[in-house]
N, C-alpha and C. Protein backbone atom coordinates (compact mmCIF):
# COMPACT_ATOMS: atom_id res chain seq x y z
N UNK A 1 0.85 -1.18 0.00
CA UNK A 1 0.00 0.00 0.00
C UNK A 1 0.89 1.24 0.00
N UNK A 2 0.63 2.17 -0.92
CA UNK A 2 1.44 3.37 -1.05
C UNK A 2 1.04 4.45 -0.05
N UNK A 3 1.85 5.48 0.01
CA UNK A 3 1.61 6.58 0.94
C UNK A 3 0.29 7.28 0.63
N UNK A 4 -0.05 7.43 -0.65
CA UNK A 4 -1.31 8.07 -1.02
C UNK A 4 -2.50 7.27 -0.50
N UNK A 5 -2.41 5.94 -0.58
CA UNK A 5 -3.48 5.09 -0.07
C UNK A 5 -3.61 5.23 1.45
N UNK A 6 -2.47 5.32 2.13
CA UNK A 6 -2.51 5.48 3.60
C UNK A 6 -3.13 6.81 3.99
N UNK A 7 -2.74 7.87 3.31
CA UNK A 7 -3.29 9.20 3.60
C UNK A 7 -4.79 9.22 3.31
N UNK A 8 -5.18 8.70 2.15
CA UNK A 8 -6.60 8.69 1.78
C UNK A 8 -7.42 7.86 2.77
N UNK A 9 -6.88 6.72 3.19
CA UNK A 9 -7.57 5.88 4.16
C UNK A 9 -7.75 6.58 5.49
N UNK A 10 -6.71 7.26 5.95
CA UNK A 10 -6.79 8.00 7.20
C UNK A 10 -7.86 9.10 7.10
N UNK A 11 -7.82 9.86 6.02
CA UNK A 11 -8.81 10.94 5.85
C UNK A 11 -10.22 10.37 5.79
N UNK A 12 -10.39 9.26 5.08
CA UNK A 12 -11.72 8.64 4.98
C UNK A 12 -12.24 8.21 6.34
N UNK A 13 -11.38 7.60 7.15
CA UNK A 13 -11.78 7.19 8.50
C UNK A 13 -12.16 8.39 9.34
N UNK A 14 -11.37 9.45 9.26
CA UNK A 14 -11.66 10.67 10.01
C UNK A 14 -12.97 11.30 9.55
N UNK A 15 -13.22 11.28 8.24
CA UNK A 15 -14.47 11.80 7.69
C UNK A 15 -15.66 11.00 8.21
N UNK A 16 -15.52 9.70 8.27
CA UNK A 16 -16.59 8.85 8.77
C UNK A 16 -16.91 9.18 10.23
N UNK A 17 -15.86 9.38 11.03
CA UNK A 17 -16.06 9.72 12.44
C UNK A 17 -16.63 11.12 12.62
N UNK A 18 -16.33 12.02 11.68
CA UNK A 18 -16.78 13.41 11.79
C UNK A 18 -18.10 13.64 11.05
N UNK A 19 -18.79 12.58 10.69
CA UNK A 19 -20.08 12.67 10.00
C UNK A 19 -20.02 13.45 8.69
N UNK A 20 -18.94 13.30 7.96
CA UNK A 20 -18.89 13.84 6.61
C UNK A 20 -18.30 15.22 6.43
N UNK A 21 -17.88 15.90 7.50
CA UNK A 21 -17.23 17.20 7.38
C UNK A 21 -15.99 17.19 8.26
N UNK A 22 -14.84 17.51 7.65
CA UNK A 22 -13.58 17.40 8.36
C UNK A 22 -12.68 18.57 8.01
N UNK A 23 -12.04 19.14 9.03
CA UNK A 23 -11.03 20.18 8.83
C UNK A 23 -9.69 19.65 9.27
N UNK A 24 -8.69 19.80 8.41
CA UNK A 24 -7.35 19.30 8.68
C UNK A 24 -6.31 20.36 8.38
N UNK A 25 -5.18 20.26 9.04
CA UNK A 25 -4.03 21.10 8.72
C UNK A 25 -3.14 20.31 7.76
N UNK A 26 -2.85 20.89 6.60
CA UNK A 26 -2.02 20.23 5.60
C UNK A 26 -0.65 19.87 6.19
N UNK A 27 -0.05 20.80 6.93
CA UNK A 27 1.28 20.56 7.49
C UNK A 27 1.25 19.44 8.54
N UNK A 28 0.17 19.37 9.33
CA UNK A 28 0.04 18.30 10.32
C UNK A 28 -0.04 16.93 9.64
N UNK A 29 -0.82 16.87 8.57
CA UNK A 29 -0.93 15.61 7.83
C UNK A 29 0.41 15.20 7.22
N UNK A 30 1.09 16.17 6.62
CA UNK A 30 2.39 15.88 6.01
C UNK A 30 3.37 15.38 7.06
N UNK A 31 3.36 16.00 8.23
CA UNK A 31 4.26 15.58 9.30
C UNK A 31 3.88 14.18 9.80
N UNK A 32 2.60 13.94 9.96
CA UNK A 32 2.12 12.64 10.44
C UNK A 32 2.56 11.49 9.54
N UNK A 33 2.52 11.74 8.21
CA UNK A 33 2.85 10.68 7.26
C UNK A 33 4.27 10.79 6.70
N UNK A 34 5.03 11.76 7.18
CA UNK A 34 6.42 11.91 6.75
C UNK A 34 6.56 12.18 5.27
N UNK A 35 5.73 13.08 4.77
CA UNK A 35 5.77 13.41 3.35
C UNK A 35 5.75 14.92 3.17
N UNK A 36 5.88 15.37 1.96
CA UNK A 36 5.82 16.80 1.68
C UNK A 36 4.35 17.22 1.52
N UNK A 37 4.04 18.49 1.83
CA UNK A 37 2.65 18.95 1.69
C UNK A 37 2.07 18.76 0.30
N UNK A 38 2.90 18.77 -0.73
CA UNK A 38 2.37 18.56 -2.09
C UNK A 38 1.78 17.16 -2.25
N UNK A 39 2.25 16.18 -1.46
CA UNK A 39 1.67 14.84 -1.48
C UNK A 39 0.23 14.88 -0.97
N UNK A 40 0.00 15.71 0.04
CA UNK A 40 -1.36 15.90 0.57
C UNK A 40 -2.23 16.53 -0.52
N UNK A 41 -1.69 17.52 -1.22
CA UNK A 41 -2.45 18.16 -2.31
C UNK A 41 -2.81 17.14 -3.38
N UNK A 42 -1.88 16.25 -3.69
CA UNK A 42 -2.12 15.21 -4.69
C UNK A 42 -3.28 14.31 -4.26
N UNK A 43 -3.26 13.89 -3.01
CA UNK A 43 -4.33 13.03 -2.50
C UNK A 43 -5.67 13.76 -2.56
N UNK A 44 -5.66 15.03 -2.18
CA UNK A 44 -6.91 15.82 -2.20
C UNK A 44 -7.47 15.89 -3.61
N UNK A 45 -6.60 16.16 -4.59
CA UNK A 45 -7.09 16.35 -5.95
C UNK A 45 -7.47 15.04 -6.64
N UNK A 46 -6.87 13.93 -6.23
CA UNK A 46 -7.17 12.67 -6.91
C UNK A 46 -8.19 11.80 -6.19
N UNK A 47 -8.31 11.94 -4.88
CA UNK A 47 -9.19 11.05 -4.12
C UNK A 47 -10.42 11.75 -3.54
N UNK A 48 -10.35 13.07 -3.39
CA UNK A 48 -11.44 13.79 -2.73
C UNK A 48 -11.93 14.93 -3.61
N UNK A 49 -12.16 14.62 -4.87
CA UNK A 49 -12.63 15.61 -5.85
C UNK A 49 -14.16 15.56 -5.93
N UNK A 50 -14.76 16.54 -6.60
CA UNK A 50 -16.22 16.50 -6.78
C UNK A 50 -16.70 15.22 -7.46
N UNK A 51 -15.89 14.70 -8.38
CA UNK A 51 -16.26 13.46 -9.07
C UNK A 51 -16.34 12.28 -8.11
N UNK A 52 -15.62 12.39 -7.00
CA UNK A 52 -15.63 11.35 -5.98
C UNK A 52 -16.68 11.63 -4.90
N UNK A 53 -17.40 12.75 -5.03
CA UNK A 53 -18.45 13.07 -4.07
C UNK A 53 -18.01 13.95 -2.91
N UNK A 54 -16.98 14.77 -3.12
CA UNK A 54 -16.46 15.63 -2.05
C UNK A 54 -16.30 17.06 -2.53
N UNK A 55 -16.42 17.98 -1.58
CA UNK A 55 -16.07 19.38 -1.81
C UNK A 55 -14.87 19.65 -0.92
N UNK A 56 -13.80 20.18 -1.50
CA UNK A 56 -12.59 20.48 -0.73
C UNK A 56 -12.35 21.98 -0.80
N UNK A 57 -12.29 22.60 0.37
CA UNK A 57 -11.95 24.01 0.48
C UNK A 57 -10.58 24.07 1.12
N UNK A 58 -9.76 25.00 0.65
CA UNK A 58 -8.40 25.07 1.14
C UNK A 58 -7.98 26.51 1.37
N UNK A 59 -7.27 26.74 2.46
CA UNK A 59 -6.66 28.04 2.72
C UNK A 59 -5.20 27.79 3.04
N UNK A 60 -4.33 28.44 2.31
CA UNK A 60 -2.90 28.25 2.51
C UNK A 60 -2.37 29.22 3.55
N UNK A 61 -1.14 28.97 3.97
CA UNK A 61 -0.49 29.87 4.92
C UNK A 61 -0.36 29.21 6.27
N UNK A 62 0.18 29.96 7.24
CA UNK A 62 0.45 29.43 8.58
C UNK A 62 -0.76 28.84 9.25
N UNK A 63 -1.90 29.51 9.17
CA UNK A 63 -3.13 28.99 9.79
C UNK A 63 -4.00 28.28 8.78
N UNK A 64 -3.41 27.88 7.67
CA UNK A 64 -4.17 27.27 6.59
C UNK A 64 -4.79 25.94 6.98
N UNK A 65 -5.82 25.59 6.28
CA UNK A 65 -6.53 24.35 6.58
C UNK A 65 -7.08 23.76 5.29
N UNK A 66 -7.53 22.55 5.40
CA UNK A 66 -8.27 21.88 4.34
C UNK A 66 -9.59 21.45 4.97
N UNK A 67 -10.70 21.83 4.37
CA UNK A 67 -12.01 21.39 4.84
C UNK A 67 -12.59 20.48 3.76
N UNK A 68 -12.90 19.26 4.15
CA UNK A 68 -13.45 18.27 3.23
C UNK A 68 -14.88 17.99 3.65
N UNK A 69 -15.78 18.07 2.70
CA UNK A 69 -17.19 17.80 2.96
C UNK A 69 -17.66 16.71 2.01
N UNK A 70 -18.21 15.64 2.56
CA UNK A 70 -18.80 14.58 1.74
C UNK A 70 -20.18 15.06 1.33
N UNK A 71 -20.42 15.05 0.04
CA UNK A 71 -21.67 15.56 -0.49
C UNK A 71 -22.68 14.41 -0.61
N UNK A 72 -23.81 14.61 -0.03
CA UNK A 72 -24.90 13.64 -0.16
C UNK A 72 -25.99 14.25 -1.02
N UNK A 73 -26.30 13.61 -2.13
CA UNK A 73 -27.32 14.11 -3.05
C UNK A 73 -28.27 12.98 -3.40
N UNK A 74 -29.45 13.37 -3.84
CA UNK A 74 -30.34 12.33 -4.33
C UNK A 74 -29.78 11.83 -5.66
N UNK A 75 -30.24 10.68 -6.08
CA UNK A 75 -29.68 9.99 -7.25
C UNK A 75 -29.70 10.87 -8.49
N UNK A 76 -30.82 11.50 -8.77
CA UNK A 76 -30.95 12.30 -9.99
C UNK A 76 -30.00 13.50 -9.97
N UNK A 77 -29.91 14.18 -8.84
CA UNK A 77 -29.01 15.33 -8.71
C UNK A 77 -27.56 14.90 -8.88
N UNK A 78 -27.20 13.78 -8.26
CA UNK A 78 -25.83 13.28 -8.37
C UNK A 78 -25.50 12.94 -9.82
N UNK A 79 -26.39 12.24 -10.50
CA UNK A 79 -26.15 11.88 -11.89
C UNK A 79 -26.01 13.13 -12.76
N UNK A 80 -26.87 14.12 -12.56
CA UNK A 80 -26.78 15.36 -13.34
C UNK A 80 -25.48 16.10 -13.04
N UNK A 81 -25.07 16.12 -11.78
CA UNK A 81 -23.80 16.75 -11.42
C UNK A 81 -22.64 16.07 -12.13
N UNK A 82 -22.64 14.76 -12.15
CA UNK A 82 -21.57 14.01 -12.81
C UNK A 82 -21.59 14.29 -14.31
N UNK A 83 -22.75 14.25 -14.92
CA UNK A 83 -22.86 14.51 -16.36
C UNK A 83 -22.27 15.88 -16.69
N UNK A 84 -22.63 16.87 -15.88
CA UNK A 84 -22.15 18.24 -16.13
C UNK A 84 -20.68 18.42 -15.84
N UNK A 85 -20.10 17.55 -15.03
CA UNK A 85 -18.68 17.69 -14.68
C UNK A 85 -17.74 16.93 -15.61
N UNK A 86 -18.27 16.09 -16.47
CA UNK A 86 -17.41 15.24 -17.30
C UNK A 86 -16.60 16.03 -18.32
N UNK A 87 -17.16 17.00 -18.97
CA UNK A 87 -16.39 17.76 -19.96
C UNK A 87 -16.33 17.06 -21.30
N UNK A 88 -15.42 17.53 -22.16
CA UNK A 88 -15.32 17.02 -23.53
C UNK A 88 -14.47 15.77 -23.65
N UNK A 89 -13.59 15.53 -22.67
CA UNK A 89 -12.72 14.36 -22.71
C UNK A 89 -12.71 13.70 -21.34
N UNK A 90 -12.50 12.39 -21.34
CA UNK A 90 -12.48 11.64 -20.09
C UNK A 90 -11.53 10.45 -20.25
N UNK A 91 -10.46 10.44 -19.44
CA UNK A 91 -9.53 9.31 -19.52
C UNK A 91 -10.11 8.12 -18.75
N UNK A 92 -9.51 6.97 -18.96
CA UNK A 92 -10.01 5.73 -18.36
C UNK A 92 -10.01 5.75 -16.84
N UNK A 93 -8.96 6.30 -16.22
CA UNK A 93 -8.88 6.33 -14.76
C UNK A 93 -9.97 7.22 -14.17
N UNK A 94 -10.22 8.37 -14.79
CA UNK A 94 -11.27 9.25 -14.29
C UNK A 94 -12.65 8.61 -14.46
N UNK A 95 -12.85 7.93 -15.57
CA UNK A 95 -14.11 7.23 -15.79
C UNK A 95 -14.32 6.17 -14.71
N UNK A 96 -13.26 5.45 -14.39
CA UNK A 96 -13.36 4.44 -13.34
C UNK A 96 -13.69 5.08 -12.00
N UNK A 97 -13.04 6.18 -11.67
CA UNK A 97 -13.30 6.87 -10.40
C UNK A 97 -14.76 7.33 -10.33
N UNK A 98 -15.27 7.87 -11.41
CA UNK A 98 -16.65 8.33 -11.44
C UNK A 98 -17.60 7.16 -11.22
N UNK A 99 -17.37 6.06 -11.93
CA UNK A 99 -18.26 4.91 -11.82
C UNK A 99 -18.18 4.23 -10.45
N UNK A 100 -17.00 4.18 -9.87
CA UNK A 100 -16.86 3.63 -8.52
C UNK A 100 -17.65 4.49 -7.53
N UNK A 101 -17.54 5.81 -7.66
CA UNK A 101 -18.28 6.70 -6.78
C UNK A 101 -19.79 6.53 -6.95
N UNK A 102 -20.24 6.43 -8.19
CA UNK A 102 -21.67 6.25 -8.44
C UNK A 102 -22.17 4.93 -7.87
N UNK A 103 -21.36 3.89 -7.97
CA UNK A 103 -21.75 2.60 -7.41
C UNK A 103 -21.75 2.64 -5.88
N UNK A 104 -20.72 3.27 -5.29
CA UNK A 104 -20.65 3.36 -3.83
C UNK A 104 -21.81 4.17 -3.26
N UNK A 105 -22.22 5.19 -3.99
CA UNK A 105 -23.33 6.01 -3.52
C UNK A 105 -24.68 5.40 -3.89
N UNK A 106 -24.65 4.25 -4.56
CA UNK A 106 -25.83 3.51 -4.97
C UNK A 106 -26.69 4.24 -6.00
N UNK A 107 -26.06 5.18 -6.74
CA UNK A 107 -26.77 5.85 -7.82
C UNK A 107 -26.84 4.94 -9.05
N UNK A 108 -25.86 4.03 -9.13
CA UNK A 108 -25.80 3.05 -10.21
C UNK A 108 -25.46 1.70 -9.58
N UNK A 109 -26.13 0.67 -10.01
CA UNK A 109 -25.85 -0.68 -9.52
C UNK A 109 -24.40 -1.06 -9.85
N UNK A 110 -23.74 -1.78 -8.96
CA UNK A 110 -22.35 -2.18 -9.16
C UNK A 110 -22.15 -2.92 -10.48
N UNK A 111 -23.04 -3.83 -10.80
CA UNK A 111 -22.90 -4.59 -12.05
C UNK A 111 -23.06 -3.69 -13.26
N UNK A 112 -23.95 -2.73 -13.19
CA UNK A 112 -24.14 -1.77 -14.29
C UNK A 112 -22.89 -0.91 -14.44
N UNK A 113 -22.35 -0.43 -13.32
CA UNK A 113 -21.13 0.39 -13.36
C UNK A 113 -19.99 -0.39 -14.00
N UNK A 114 -19.84 -1.67 -13.64
CA UNK A 114 -18.77 -2.49 -14.21
C UNK A 114 -18.98 -2.69 -15.70
N UNK A 115 -20.22 -2.91 -16.11
CA UNK A 115 -20.51 -3.10 -17.53
C UNK A 115 -20.20 -1.83 -18.32
N UNK A 116 -20.57 -0.68 -17.77
CA UNK A 116 -20.26 0.60 -18.43
C UNK A 116 -18.75 0.75 -18.55
N UNK A 117 -18.04 0.45 -17.48
CA UNK A 117 -16.59 0.58 -17.49
C UNK A 117 -15.96 -0.30 -18.58
N UNK A 118 -16.44 -1.51 -18.71
CA UNK A 118 -15.94 -2.39 -19.78
C UNK A 118 -16.25 -1.80 -21.16
N UNK A 119 -17.44 -1.24 -21.29
CA UNK A 119 -17.87 -0.71 -22.59
C UNK A 119 -17.06 0.51 -23.03
N UNK A 120 -16.51 1.26 -22.07
CA UNK A 120 -15.76 2.46 -22.42
C UNK A 120 -14.26 2.30 -22.18
N UNK A 121 -13.83 1.07 -21.97
CA UNK A 121 -12.41 0.80 -21.71
C UNK A 121 -11.60 0.99 -23.00
N UNK A 122 -10.29 1.14 -22.83
CA UNK A 122 -9.41 1.26 -23.99
C UNK A 122 -9.49 0.03 -24.89
N UNK A 123 -9.65 -1.14 -24.27
CA UNK A 123 -9.72 -2.35 -25.11
C UNK A 123 -11.02 -2.38 -25.92
N UNK A 124 -12.11 -1.88 -25.36
CA UNK A 124 -13.37 -1.83 -26.12
C UNK A 124 -13.29 -0.78 -27.22
N UNK A 125 -12.50 0.25 -26.98
CA UNK A 125 -12.38 1.35 -27.96
C UNK A 125 -11.12 1.22 -28.82
N UNK A 126 -10.53 0.03 -28.88
CA UNK A 126 -9.24 -0.15 -29.55
C UNK A 126 -9.29 0.17 -31.05
N UNK A 127 -10.45 0.10 -31.68
CA UNK A 127 -10.53 0.42 -33.11
C UNK A 127 -10.57 1.94 -33.35
N UNK A 128 -10.70 2.70 -32.27
CA UNK A 128 -10.72 4.16 -32.36
C UNK A 128 -9.29 4.65 -32.12
N UNK A 129 -8.83 5.60 -32.93
CA UNK A 129 -7.47 6.14 -32.71
C UNK A 129 -7.33 6.65 -31.27
N UNK A 130 -6.16 6.43 -30.67
CA UNK A 130 -5.92 6.79 -29.27
C UNK A 130 -6.26 8.24 -28.96
N UNK A 131 -5.93 9.14 -29.88
CA UNK A 131 -6.18 10.56 -29.62
C UNK A 131 -7.67 10.93 -29.62
N UNK A 132 -8.53 10.01 -30.02
CA UNK A 132 -9.97 10.27 -30.04
C UNK A 132 -10.74 9.51 -28.95
N UNK A 133 -10.07 8.59 -28.27
CA UNK A 133 -10.74 7.72 -27.29
C UNK A 133 -11.34 8.50 -26.12
N UNK A 134 -10.60 9.45 -25.58
CA UNK A 134 -11.09 10.18 -24.41
C UNK A 134 -12.33 11.00 -24.74
N UNK A 135 -12.39 11.52 -25.95
CA UNK A 135 -13.57 12.27 -26.38
C UNK A 135 -14.77 11.33 -26.53
N UNK A 136 -14.55 10.21 -27.18
CA UNK A 136 -15.62 9.23 -27.37
C UNK A 136 -16.08 8.67 -26.02
N UNK A 137 -15.13 8.38 -25.13
CA UNK A 137 -15.46 7.84 -23.80
C UNK A 137 -16.35 8.82 -23.04
N UNK A 138 -16.02 10.10 -23.10
CA UNK A 138 -16.82 11.13 -22.41
C UNK A 138 -18.24 11.17 -23.00
N UNK A 139 -18.33 11.16 -24.32
CA UNK A 139 -19.64 11.20 -24.99
C UNK A 139 -20.49 9.99 -24.63
N UNK A 140 -19.90 8.82 -24.66
CA UNK A 140 -20.64 7.59 -24.35
C UNK A 140 -21.12 7.60 -22.90
N UNK A 141 -20.22 7.93 -21.97
CA UNK A 141 -20.61 7.93 -20.55
C UNK A 141 -21.71 8.94 -20.29
N UNK A 142 -21.59 10.13 -20.85
CA UNK A 142 -22.64 11.13 -20.65
C UNK A 142 -23.99 10.63 -21.17
N UNK A 143 -23.99 10.01 -22.36
CA UNK A 143 -25.24 9.51 -22.92
C UNK A 143 -25.86 8.41 -22.06
N UNK A 144 -25.04 7.51 -21.57
CA UNK A 144 -25.55 6.44 -20.69
C UNK A 144 -26.14 7.04 -19.42
N UNK A 145 -25.42 7.97 -18.81
CA UNK A 145 -25.90 8.56 -17.55
C UNK A 145 -27.16 9.39 -17.77
N UNK A 146 -27.26 10.07 -18.91
CA UNK A 146 -28.49 10.82 -19.21
C UNK A 146 -29.68 9.88 -19.25
N UNK A 147 -29.50 8.71 -19.82
CA UNK A 147 -30.60 7.75 -19.91
C UNK A 147 -30.90 7.07 -18.57
N UNK A 148 -29.95 7.12 -17.64
CA UNK A 148 -30.20 6.58 -16.29
C UNK A 148 -30.93 7.58 -15.40
N UNK A 149 -30.89 8.87 -15.78
CA UNK A 149 -31.58 9.89 -14.98
C UNK A 149 -33.05 9.66 -15.16
């Protein structure tokens, strides 16, 4: 297990205990895990993004903090938020993160999420030139989610 996984796991446990809203000091976290503050920023941007169901507010400086809020939405609102956040391109890892979040929040059945992931994987899109796959993946996922709303 890597340092990012350890940091994310710790934050997730703390969030669970704090009922979905948590304030942390970036420097305290970095010291606790023996890493640089930029590692904390990396974890925040990759594991606690809106696509993962979180709002992260940050203030830098000596008294700076990170406030993480787990967002709870009804299924339709969550799906619409995800559709609107996808953009024109979507890489495979981001698609997986979105679908895992949707399955964990029970907006999409786990089996459906897995089937969608297979359908938009690089191997499923192998006949499409690599430079066009992320655009096609975004379009396909948005269309599927629109029909699930």
